[in-house]
Amino acid sequence: MTTFEYLAVAYSLLFSVTALRLVGGLPYVFRRDSMYGVHATVVVALIFGTVFNFWTFLGYRDTEWTFIKFLGLLATPATLYFMASMLVPDHPELVESWKKHYYHRRVQYFSGHIVWMVIAIINTTFILDLPLTHPMRGVQVTLLVVGLCALSSEREIVHKAMVGCVFILIIIFVLFDRLIWMTY
């Protein structure tokens, strides 16, 4: 077993609990009497973000590992789990209004979102040596700006625009996966 394979176990476990929390909450999030479209879309986008981050872990396979690099890398799924727990509480069946829940947890969630993007920028810079001119930097900066806008505003139109922007980025990821990650 290589060091990468060994470390991938811990990484995978954190992603698994994040995905389980989000997917387990879907029946409640999409419950007709309490659903809020922005919240539901953010939950689906975070599921995609979790899967995408797990997929990109393969890019770290040739890394010369240190404990600090490993901690830096574990910060990603740990942050994603924090974000998931803000979107889907321990007892989602008790949520009467996902709209109220979303705006109640907005600051914590988007603070986590911003931390996630900062970690992504740090990890891809210092662990992967990703150049500042790489196409992925545009995605990272866009997601950072989206998080800052959503954090700083309670206006529903801002959150709807944020959701639209995130889904455009998801389409770009799906269509141009090879182009975005061609340096790995």
N, C-alpha and C. Protein backbone atom coordinates (compact mmCIF):
# COMPACT_ATOMS: atom_id res chain seq x y z
N MET A 1 0.85 -1.17 0.00
CA MET A 1 0.00 0.00 0.00
C MET A 1 0.90 1.24 0.00
N THR A 2 0.60 2.17 -0.89
CA THR A 2 1.37 3.41 -0.96
C THR A 2 0.88 4.37 0.11
N THR A 3 1.68 5.42 0.36
CA THR A 3 1.27 6.45 1.32
C THR A 3 -0.03 7.10 0.86
N PHE A 4 -0.13 7.36 -0.44
CA PHE A 4 -1.34 7.98 -0.99
C PHE A 4 -2.56 7.11 -0.70
N GLU A 5 -2.46 5.82 -0.94
CA GLU A 5 -3.58 4.91 -0.69
C GLU A 5 -3.95 4.87 0.79
N TYR A 6 -2.94 4.90 1.63
CA TYR A 6 -3.16 4.89 3.07
C TYR A 6 -3.92 6.15 3.51
N LEU A 7 -3.46 7.30 3.04
CA LEU A 7 -4.08 8.56 3.42
C LEU A 7 -5.46 8.72 2.78
N ALA A 8 -5.66 8.10 1.65
CA ALA A 8 -6.95 8.19 0.96
C ALA A 8 -8.08 7.60 1.80
N VAL A 9 -7.75 6.67 2.68
CA VAL A 9 -8.78 6.06 3.52
C VAL A 9 -9.42 7.13 4.42
N ALA A 10 -8.61 7.91 5.11
CA ALA A 10 -9.15 8.96 6.00
C ALA A 10 -9.92 10.00 5.18
N TYR A 11 -9.35 10.36 4.06
CA TYR A 11 -9.98 11.35 3.17
C TYR A 11 -11.35 10.84 2.72
N SER A 12 -11.40 9.59 2.32
CA SER A 12 -12.64 8.98 1.83
C SER A 12 -13.70 8.90 2.93
N LEU A 13 -13.28 8.59 4.13
CA LEU A 13 -14.24 8.49 5.24
C LEU A 13 -14.93 9.83 5.50
N LEU A 14 -14.16 10.90 5.49
CA LEU A 14 -14.76 12.23 5.72
C LEU A 14 -15.72 12.60 4.60
N PHE A 15 -15.33 12.30 3.36
CA PHE A 15 -16.24 12.58 2.25
C PHE A 15 -17.50 11.73 2.35
N SER A 16 -17.35 10.49 2.79
CA SER A 16 -18.50 9.59 2.90
C SER A 16 -19.52 10.10 3.91
N VAL A 17 -19.07 10.53 5.08
CA VAL A 17 -20.03 11.01 6.08
C VAL A 17 -20.69 12.31 5.61
N THR A 18 -19.96 13.12 4.86
CA THR A 18 -20.55 14.35 4.30
C THR A 18 -21.64 14.00 3.30
N ALA A 19 -21.31 13.10 2.37
CA ALA A 19 -22.30 12.70 1.36
C ALA A 19 -23.51 12.03 2.00
N LEU A 20 -23.27 11.20 3.00
CA LEU A 20 -24.39 10.53 3.68
C LEU A 20 -25.32 11.54 4.36
N ARG A 21 -24.73 12.54 4.99
CA ARG A 21 -25.56 13.55 5.66
C ARG A 21 -26.43 14.29 4.65
N LEU A 22 -25.82 14.69 3.54
CA LEU A 22 -26.55 15.44 2.53
C LEU A 22 -27.61 14.58 1.84
N VAL A 23 -27.23 13.41 1.39
CA VAL A 23 -28.17 12.53 0.69
C VAL A 23 -29.27 12.06 1.64
N GLY A 24 -28.90 11.78 2.88
CA GLY A 24 -29.91 11.38 3.87
C GLY A 24 -30.93 12.46 4.15
N GLY A 25 -30.55 13.71 3.96
CA GLY A 25 -31.47 14.82 4.19
C GLY A 25 -32.36 15.14 3.00
N LEU A 26 -32.06 14.58 1.82
CA LEU A 26 -32.82 14.93 0.62
C LEU A 26 -34.33 14.71 0.73
N PRO A 27 -34.81 13.61 1.31
CA PRO A 27 -36.27 13.46 1.40
C PRO A 27 -36.93 14.60 2.20
N TYR A 28 -36.25 15.13 3.17
CA TYR A 28 -36.79 16.22 3.98
C TYR A 28 -36.63 17.57 3.27
N VAL A 29 -35.48 17.75 2.64
CA VAL A 29 -35.20 18.99 1.92
C VAL A 29 -36.20 19.19 0.78
N PHE A 30 -36.59 18.10 0.13
CA PHE A 30 -37.52 18.17 -1.00
C PHE A 30 -38.97 17.90 -0.60
N ARG A 31 -39.24 17.91 0.69
CA ARG A 31 -40.62 17.73 1.17
C ARG A 31 -41.45 18.92 0.69
N ARG A 32 -42.52 18.63 0.02
CA ARG A 32 -43.32 19.64 -0.67
C ARG A 32 -43.81 20.78 0.23
N ASP A 33 -44.17 20.48 1.45
CA ASP A 33 -44.76 21.50 2.32
C ASP A 33 -43.74 22.45 2.94
N SER A 34 -42.44 22.13 2.86
CA SER A 34 -41.46 23.00 3.51
C SER A 34 -40.25 23.33 2.64
N MET A 35 -40.22 22.85 1.41
CA MET A 35 -39.06 23.03 0.54
C MET A 35 -38.84 24.51 0.18
N TYR A 36 -37.56 24.85 0.10
CA TYR A 36 -37.15 26.18 -0.37
C TYR A 36 -36.15 25.93 -1.50
N GLY A 37 -36.48 26.40 -2.69
CA GLY A 37 -35.69 26.10 -3.88
C GLY A 37 -34.22 26.45 -3.77
N VAL A 38 -33.91 27.60 -3.20
CA VAL A 38 -32.50 28.01 -3.07
C VAL A 38 -31.76 27.02 -2.17
N HIS A 39 -32.35 26.69 -1.04
CA HIS A 39 -31.72 25.74 -0.11
C HIS A 39 -31.54 24.38 -0.78
N ALA A 40 -32.58 23.88 -1.42
CA ALA A 40 -32.50 22.57 -2.07
C ALA A 40 -31.40 22.56 -3.13
N THR A 41 -31.30 23.63 -3.88
CA THR A 41 -30.28 23.72 -4.93
C THR A 41 -28.88 23.77 -4.32
N VAL A 42 -28.72 24.48 -3.22
CA VAL A 42 -27.42 24.54 -2.55
C VAL A 42 -27.05 23.16 -2.01
N VAL A 43 -28.01 22.43 -1.49
CA VAL A 43 -27.74 21.07 -1.01
C VAL A 43 -27.26 20.19 -2.17
N VAL A 44 -27.95 20.23 -3.29
CA VAL A 44 -27.56 19.44 -4.46
C VAL A 44 -26.18 19.88 -4.96
N ALA A 45 -25.93 21.17 -4.98
CA ALA A 45 -24.62 21.68 -5.42
C ALA A 45 -23.52 21.22 -4.47
N LEU A 46 -23.81 21.16 -3.17
CA LEU A 46 -22.80 20.70 -2.22
C LEU A 46 -22.54 19.19 -2.38
N ILE A 47 -23.57 18.44 -2.73
CA ILE A 47 -23.34 17.02 -3.04
C ILE A 47 -22.38 16.92 -4.22
N PHE A 48 -22.63 17.71 -5.26
CA PHE A 48 -21.73 17.72 -6.41
C PHE A 48 -20.33 18.15 -5.99
N GLY A 49 -20.23 19.21 -5.18
CA GLY A 49 -18.93 19.68 -4.73
C GLY A 49 -18.17 18.63 -3.94
N THR A 50 -18.89 17.86 -3.14
CA THR A 50 -18.28 16.79 -2.36
C THR A 50 -17.73 15.70 -3.30
N VAL A 51 -18.55 15.29 -4.26
CA VAL A 51 -18.12 14.27 -5.22
C VAL A 51 -16.95 14.78 -6.05
N PHE A 52 -17.05 16.04 -6.50
CA PHE A 52 -15.98 16.61 -7.32
C PHE A 52 -14.67 16.69 -6.54
N ASN A 53 -14.74 17.11 -5.29
CA ASN A 53 -13.52 17.19 -4.48
C ASN A 53 -12.91 15.81 -4.25
N PHE A 54 -13.75 14.81 -4.07
CA PHE A 54 -13.23 13.46 -3.95
C PHE A 54 -12.56 13.03 -5.26
N TRP A 55 -13.18 13.34 -6.38
CA TRP A 55 -12.63 12.99 -7.70
C TRP A 55 -11.26 13.64 -7.90
N THR A 56 -11.13 14.89 -7.51
CA THR A 56 -9.87 15.59 -7.74
C THR A 56 -8.75 15.15 -6.79
N PHE A 57 -9.10 14.39 -5.76
CA PHE A 57 -8.07 13.89 -4.84
C PHE A 57 -7.02 13.07 -5.57
N LEU A 58 -7.41 12.43 -6.66
CA LEU A 58 -6.47 11.65 -7.44
C LEU A 58 -5.30 12.51 -7.93
N GLY A 59 -5.52 13.80 -8.10
CA GLY A 59 -4.45 14.70 -8.52
C GLY A 59 -3.31 14.80 -7.51
N TYR A 60 -3.53 14.34 -6.30
CA TYR A 60 -2.52 14.41 -5.25
C TYR A 60 -1.70 13.12 -5.14
N ARG A 61 -1.90 12.19 -6.04
CA ARG A 61 -1.29 10.86 -5.92
C ARG A 61 0.24 10.88 -5.93
N ASP A 62 0.85 11.85 -6.59
CA ASP A 62 2.31 11.90 -6.66
C ASP A 62 2.94 12.85 -5.65
N THR A 63 2.15 13.29 -4.70
CA THR A 63 2.62 14.22 -3.67
C THR A 63 3.60 13.53 -2.73
N GLU A 64 4.62 14.25 -2.34
CA GLU A 64 5.51 13.78 -1.28
C GLU A 64 4.88 14.23 0.03
N TRP A 65 4.33 13.30 0.79
CA TRP A 65 3.48 13.62 1.91
C TRP A 65 4.25 13.96 3.18
N THR A 66 3.74 14.98 3.87
CA THR A 66 4.16 15.31 5.23
C THR A 66 2.87 15.40 6.05
N PHE A 67 3.02 15.41 7.34
CA PHE A 67 1.84 15.51 8.20
C PHE A 67 1.10 16.82 7.96
N ILE A 68 1.81 17.90 7.77
CA ILE A 68 1.19 19.22 7.53
C ILE A 68 0.40 19.19 6.22
N LYS A 69 0.96 18.61 5.17
CA LYS A 69 0.23 18.52 3.91
C LYS A 69 -1.03 17.67 4.07
N PHE A 70 -0.92 16.60 4.82
CA PHE A 70 -2.08 15.74 5.06
C PHE A 70 -3.16 16.50 5.82
N LEU A 71 -2.78 17.24 6.86
CA LEU A 71 -3.76 18.04 7.60
C LEU A 71 -4.42 19.09 6.70
N GLY A 72 -3.59 19.71 5.86
CA GLY A 72 -4.13 20.69 4.91
C GLY A 72 -5.14 20.07 3.98
N LEU A 73 -4.84 18.87 3.54
CA LEU A 73 -5.76 18.19 2.64
C LEU A 73 -7.02 17.73 3.36
N LEU A 74 -6.89 17.26 4.60
CA LEU A 74 -8.08 16.84 5.36
C LEU A 74 -9.00 18.01 5.70
N ALA A 75 -8.46 19.21 5.66
CA ALA A 75 -9.28 20.39 5.95
C ALA A 75 -10.42 20.53 4.94
N THR A 76 -10.21 20.06 3.71
CA THR A 76 -11.27 20.16 2.70
C THR A 76 -12.50 19.34 3.08
N PRO A 77 -12.38 18.02 3.26
CA PRO A 77 -13.60 17.28 3.61
C PRO A 77 -14.16 17.67 4.99
N ALA A 78 -13.30 18.10 5.89
CA ALA A 78 -13.79 18.53 7.20
C ALA A 78 -14.66 19.78 7.04
N THR A 79 -14.23 20.70 6.20
CA THR A 79 -15.00 21.92 5.95
C THR A 79 -16.30 21.59 5.23
N LEU A 80 -16.23 20.68 4.27
CA LEU A 80 -17.44 20.27 3.56
C LEU A 80 -18.44 19.63 4.53
N TYR A 81 -17.95 18.86 5.49
CA TYR A 81 -18.86 18.27 6.48
C TYR A 81 -19.50 19.37 7.33
N PHE A 82 -18.71 20.35 7.74
CA PHE A 82 -19.27 21.48 8.49
C PHE A 82 -20.38 22.14 7.69
N MET A 83 -20.12 22.39 6.41
CA MET A 83 -21.11 23.04 5.55
C MET A 83 -22.37 22.17 5.44
N ALA A 84 -22.18 20.87 5.28
CA ALA A 84 -23.31 19.95 5.17
C ALA A 84 -24.15 19.98 6.45
N SER A 85 -23.48 20.06 7.60
CA SER A 85 -24.22 20.08 8.87
C SER A 85 -24.97 21.39 9.06
N MET A 86 -24.54 22.45 8.40
CA MET A 86 -25.29 23.71 8.45
C MET A 86 -26.53 23.63 7.57
N LEU A 87 -26.44 22.93 6.45
CA LEU A 87 -27.57 22.81 5.54
C LEU A 87 -28.59 21.77 5.99
N VAL A 88 -28.09 20.64 6.52
CA VAL A 88 -28.97 19.54 6.93
C VAL A 88 -28.65 19.24 8.39
N PRO A 89 -29.53 19.64 9.31
CA PRO A 89 -29.26 19.43 10.74
C PRO A 89 -29.38 17.95 11.12
N ASP A 90 -29.01 17.65 12.35
CA ASP A 90 -29.09 16.27 12.84
C ASP A 90 -30.48 15.67 12.70
N HIS A 91 -31.49 16.48 12.87
CA HIS A 91 -32.87 15.99 12.79
C HIS A 91 -33.63 16.80 11.73
N PRO A 92 -33.39 16.51 10.46
CA PRO A 92 -34.04 17.30 9.40
C PRO A 92 -35.56 17.17 9.39
N GLU A 93 -36.06 16.12 9.98
CA GLU A 93 -37.51 15.92 10.02
C GLU A 93 -38.19 16.99 10.89
N LEU A 94 -37.43 17.66 11.74
CA LEU A 94 -37.99 18.69 12.61
C LEU A 94 -38.03 20.08 11.97
N VAL A 95 -37.40 20.23 10.82
CA VAL A 95 -37.37 21.54 10.16
C VAL A 95 -38.74 21.81 9.54
N GLU A 96 -39.36 22.89 9.96
CA GLU A 96 -40.69 23.24 9.44
C GLU A 96 -40.62 24.10 8.19
N SER A 97 -39.55 24.91 8.08
CA SER A 97 -39.37 25.77 6.92
C SER A 97 -37.89 25.79 6.55
N TRP A 98 -37.57 25.24 5.37
CA TRP A 98 -36.18 25.24 4.93
C TRP A 98 -35.72 26.65 4.58
N LYS A 99 -36.63 27.50 4.21
CA LYS A 99 -36.26 28.89 3.93
C LYS A 99 -35.76 29.56 5.20
N LYS A 100 -36.50 29.41 6.30
CA LYS A 100 -36.07 29.99 7.58
C LYS A 100 -34.74 29.35 8.02
N HIS A 101 -34.65 28.05 7.86
CA HIS A 101 -33.42 27.34 8.25
C HIS A 101 -32.23 27.86 7.45
N TYR A 102 -32.41 28.00 6.13
CA TYR A 102 -31.33 28.46 5.25
C TYR A 102 -30.83 29.83 5.67
N TYR A 103 -31.72 30.77 5.87
CA TYR A 103 -31.29 32.12 6.24
C TYR A 103 -30.79 32.19 7.68
N HIS A 104 -31.27 31.30 8.54
CA HIS A 104 -30.76 31.23 9.91
C HIS A 104 -29.31 30.74 9.92
N ARG A 105 -28.97 29.81 9.03
CA ARG A 105 -27.62 29.23 8.97
C ARG A 105 -26.74 29.85 7.89
N ARG A 106 -27.23 30.85 7.21
CA ARG A 106 -26.53 31.47 6.08
C ARG A 106 -25.11 31.91 6.42
N VAL A 107 -24.94 32.61 7.51
CA VAL A 107 -23.62 33.14 7.87
C VAL A 107 -22.64 32.00 8.14
N GLN A 108 -23.06 31.00 8.90
CA GLN A 108 -22.17 29.87 9.19
C GLN A 108 -21.84 29.09 7.91
N TYR A 109 -22.88 28.83 7.11
CA TYR A 109 -22.65 28.06 5.89
C TYR A 109 -21.68 28.77 4.95
N PHE A 110 -21.93 30.03 4.67
CA PHE A 110 -21.09 30.73 3.70
C PHE A 110 -19.72 31.10 4.28
N SER A 111 -19.62 31.20 5.59
CA SER A 111 -18.28 31.32 6.19
C SER A 111 -17.50 30.04 5.90
N GLY A 112 -18.16 28.89 6.06
CA GLY A 112 -17.53 27.62 5.72
C GLY A 112 -17.18 27.54 4.24
N HIS A 113 -18.07 28.05 3.40
CA HIS A 113 -17.82 28.06 1.95
C HIS A 113 -16.56 28.86 1.62
N ILE A 114 -16.41 30.01 2.26
CA ILE A 114 -15.23 30.85 2.02
C ILE A 114 -13.97 30.14 2.52
N VAL A 115 -14.04 29.54 3.69
CA VAL A 115 -12.90 28.78 4.22
C VAL A 115 -12.54 27.65 3.25
N TRP A 116 -13.55 26.96 2.71
CA TRP A 116 -13.33 25.88 1.75
C TRP A 116 -12.55 26.38 0.54
N MET A 117 -12.93 27.53 0.00
CA MET A 117 -12.23 28.05 -1.18
C MET A 117 -10.81 28.49 -0.83
N VAL A 118 -10.63 29.09 0.33
CA VAL A 118 -9.28 29.49 0.74
C VAL A 118 -8.39 28.25 0.89
N ILE A 119 -8.94 27.19 1.50
CA ILE A 119 -8.19 25.94 1.64
C ILE A 119 -7.86 25.38 0.26
N ALA A 120 -8.82 25.42 -0.65
CA ALA A 120 -8.58 24.90 -2.00
C ALA A 120 -7.46 25.68 -2.69
N ILE A 121 -7.47 26.98 -2.54
CA ILE A 121 -6.42 27.81 -3.15
C ILE A 121 -5.07 27.49 -2.52
N ILE A 122 -5.02 27.37 -1.21
CA ILE A 122 -3.76 27.07 -0.52
C ILE A 122 -3.25 25.68 -0.92
N ASN A 123 -4.13 24.68 -0.88
CA ASN A 123 -3.70 23.31 -1.21
C ASN A 123 -3.23 23.17 -2.65
N THR A 124 -3.97 23.76 -3.58
CA THR A 124 -3.54 23.64 -4.98
C THR A 124 -2.29 24.44 -5.26
N THR A 125 -2.05 25.47 -4.48
CA THR A 125 -0.83 26.27 -4.66
C THR A 125 0.38 25.59 -4.04
N PHE A 126 0.26 25.17 -2.78
CA PHE A 126 1.44 24.69 -2.06
C PHE A 126 1.63 23.18 -2.10
N ILE A 127 0.60 22.42 -2.37
CA ILE A 127 0.78 20.97 -2.46
C ILE A 127 0.89 20.53 -3.92
N LEU A 128 0.04 21.09 -4.79
CA LEU A 128 0.05 20.68 -6.20
C LEU A 128 0.90 21.59 -7.08
N ASP A 129 1.34 22.72 -6.57
CA ASP A 129 2.09 23.70 -7.37
C ASP A 129 1.31 24.13 -8.61
N LEU A 130 0.02 24.30 -8.46
CA LEU A 130 -0.83 24.73 -9.57
C LEU A 130 -0.50 26.18 -9.90
N PRO A 131 -0.19 26.48 -11.15
CA PRO A 131 0.15 27.87 -11.51
C PRO A 131 -1.03 28.82 -11.30
N LEU A 132 -0.73 30.06 -11.01
CA LEU A 132 -1.78 31.06 -10.80
C LEU A 132 -2.59 31.31 -12.07
N THR A 133 -2.04 30.94 -13.23
CA THR A 133 -2.73 31.15 -14.51
C THR A 133 -3.56 29.95 -14.94
N HIS A 134 -3.61 28.92 -14.14
CA HIS A 134 -4.37 27.72 -14.48
C HIS A 134 -5.87 28.05 -14.52
N PRO A 135 -6.63 27.43 -15.45
CA PRO A 135 -8.07 27.70 -15.54
C PRO A 135 -8.84 27.45 -14.24
N MET A 136 -8.35 26.55 -13.41
CA MET A 136 -9.04 26.26 -12.15
C MET A 136 -9.03 27.47 -11.21
N ARG A 137 -8.05 28.35 -11.36
CA ARG A 137 -8.00 29.55 -10.50
C ARG A 137 -9.23 30.43 -10.72
N GLY A 138 -9.69 30.52 -11.95
CA GLY A 138 -10.89 31.30 -12.24
C GLY A 138 -12.10 30.73 -11.53
N VAL A 139 -12.21 29.41 -11.50
CA VAL A 139 -13.31 28.75 -10.81
C VAL A 139 -13.21 29.01 -9.31
N GLN A 140 -11.99 28.86 -8.75
CA GLN A 140 -11.81 29.08 -7.32
C GLN A 140 -12.15 30.51 -6.93
N VAL A 141 -11.68 31.46 -7.69
CA VAL A 141 -11.95 32.87 -7.37
C VAL A 141 -13.44 33.18 -7.52
N THR A 142 -14.07 32.62 -8.56
CA THR A 142 -15.50 32.84 -8.74
C THR A 142 -16.28 32.28 -7.56
N LEU A 143 -15.94 31.07 -7.11
CA LEU A 143 -16.63 30.49 -5.96
C LEU A 143 -16.36 31.28 -4.68
N LEU A 144 -15.17 31.84 -4.55
CA LEU A 144 -14.86 32.68 -3.39
C LEU A 144 -15.72 33.94 -3.40
N VAL A 145 -15.84 34.58 -4.56
CA VAL A 145 -16.66 35.79 -4.68
C VAL A 145 -18.14 35.48 -4.43
N VAL A 146 -18.60 34.35 -4.98
CA VAL A 146 -19.99 33.93 -4.75
C VAL A 146 -20.25 33.76 -3.26
N GLY A 147 -19.33 33.12 -2.56
CA GLY A 147 -19.47 32.93 -1.12
C GLY A 147 -19.49 34.24 -0.36
N LEU A 148 -18.62 35.17 -0.75
CA LEU A 148 -18.58 36.47 -0.09
C LEU A 148 -19.88 37.25 -0.31
N CYS A 149 -20.41 37.19 -1.53
CA CYS A 149 -21.67 37.88 -1.82
C CYS A 149 -22.82 37.28 -1.03
N ALA A 150 -22.90 35.96 -1.00
CA ALA A 150 -23.99 35.29 -0.27
C ALA A 150 -23.86 35.50 1.23
N LEU A 151 -22.64 35.57 1.73
CA LEU A 151 -22.41 35.82 3.15
C LEU A 151 -22.86 37.23 3.54
N SER A 152 -22.62 38.18 2.65
CA SER A 152 -22.85 39.58 3.00
C SER A 152 -24.27 40.06 2.71
N SER A 153 -25.11 39.21 2.13
CA SER A 153 -26.45 39.66 1.80
C SER A 153 -27.51 38.64 2.20
N GLU A 154 -28.60 39.14 2.73
CA GLU A 154 -29.76 38.30 3.03
C GLU A 154 -30.80 38.38 1.92
N ARG A 155 -30.53 39.19 0.91
CA ARG A 155 -31.51 39.39 -0.17
C ARG A 155 -31.67 38.10 -0.98
N GLU A 156 -32.91 37.72 -1.16
CA GLU A 156 -33.21 36.48 -1.88
C GLU A 156 -32.69 36.52 -3.31
N ILE A 157 -32.74 37.66 -3.97
CA ILE A 157 -32.27 37.76 -5.35
C ILE A 157 -30.77 37.46 -5.44
N VAL A 158 -30.01 37.86 -4.44
CA VAL A 158 -28.58 37.56 -4.41
C VAL A 158 -28.36 36.06 -4.30
N HIS A 159 -29.14 35.41 -3.49
CA HIS A 159 -28.99 33.96 -3.30
C HIS A 159 -29.47 33.18 -4.52
N LYS A 160 -30.48 33.68 -5.20
CA LYS A 160 -30.91 33.04 -6.45
C LYS A 160 -29.83 33.20 -7.52
N ALA A 161 -29.23 34.38 -7.60
CA ALA A 161 -28.15 34.60 -8.56
C ALA A 161 -26.94 33.72 -8.24
N MET A 162 -26.65 33.57 -6.96
CA MET A 162 -25.54 32.71 -6.53
C MET A 162 -25.77 31.28 -6.97
N VAL A 163 -26.99 30.79 -6.80
CA VAL A 163 -27.33 29.44 -7.21
C VAL A 163 -27.14 29.28 -8.72
N GLY A 164 -27.57 30.26 -9.48
CA GLY A 164 -27.39 30.21 -10.94
C GLY A 164 -25.93 30.15 -11.32
N CYS A 165 -25.12 30.96 -10.67
CA CYS A 165 -23.68 30.98 -10.93
C CYS A 165 -23.04 29.64 -10.60
N VAL A 166 -23.41 29.06 -9.49
CA VAL A 166 -22.84 27.77 -9.08
C VAL A 166 -23.22 26.69 -10.09
N PHE A 167 -24.45 26.71 -10.59
CA PHE A 167 -24.82 25.68 -11.56
C PHE A 167 -24.14 25.87 -12.90
N ILE A 168 -23.83 27.09 -13.28
CA ILE A 168 -23.03 27.31 -14.49
C ILE A 168 -21.64 26.69 -14.28
N LEU A 169 -21.06 26.88 -13.10
CA LEU A 169 -19.76 26.28 -12.80
C LEU A 169 -19.82 24.75 -12.82
N ILE A 170 -20.91 24.18 -12.33
CA ILE A 170 -21.06 22.73 -12.36
C ILE A 170 -21.09 22.23 -13.81
N ILE A 171 -21.81 22.92 -14.65
CA ILE A 171 -21.86 22.54 -16.07
C ILE A 171 -20.47 22.62 -16.68
N ILE A 172 -19.72 23.68 -16.34
CA ILE A 172 -18.35 23.81 -16.85
C ILE A 172 -17.50 22.64 -16.37
N PHE A 173 -17.61 22.27 -15.08
CA PHE A 173 -16.85 21.13 -14.56
C PHE A 173 -17.17 19.86 -15.33
N VAL A 174 -18.45 19.61 -15.55
CA VAL A 174 -18.85 18.37 -16.21
C VAL A 174 -18.38 18.35 -17.67
N LEU A 175 -18.55 19.46 -18.36
CA LEU A 175 -18.20 19.50 -19.78
C LEU A 175 -16.70 19.59 -20.04
N PHE A 176 -15.98 20.26 -19.14
CA PHE A 176 -14.57 20.54 -19.40
C PHE A 176 -13.64 19.95 -18.34
N ASP A 177 -14.06 18.86 -17.74
CA ASP A 177 -13.29 18.21 -16.67
C ASP A 177 -11.84 18.01 -17.07
N ARG A 178 -11.59 17.46 -18.23
CA ARG A 178 -10.22 17.19 -18.69
C ARG A 178 -9.43 18.47 -18.89
N LEU A 179 -10.07 19.48 -19.45
CA LEU A 179 -9.38 20.75 -19.70
C LEU A 179 -9.00 21.43 -18.39
N ILE A 180 -9.95 21.44 -17.44
CA ILE A 180 -9.70 22.11 -16.17
C ILE A 180 -8.55 21.44 -15.42
N TRP A 181 -8.50 20.12 -15.43
CA TRP A 181 -7.51 19.40 -14.64
C TRP A 181 -6.39 18.82 -15.50
N MET A 182 -6.13 19.39 -16.69
CA MET A 182 -5.15 18.80 -17.61
C MET A 182 -3.73 18.78 -17.07
N THR A 183 -3.44 19.56 -16.07
CA THR A 183 -2.06 19.58 -15.56
C THR A 183 -1.77 18.46 -14.58
N TYR A 184 -2.75 17.67 -14.22
CA TYR A 184 -2.51 16.61 -13.24
C TYR A 184 -2.02 15.36 -13.92
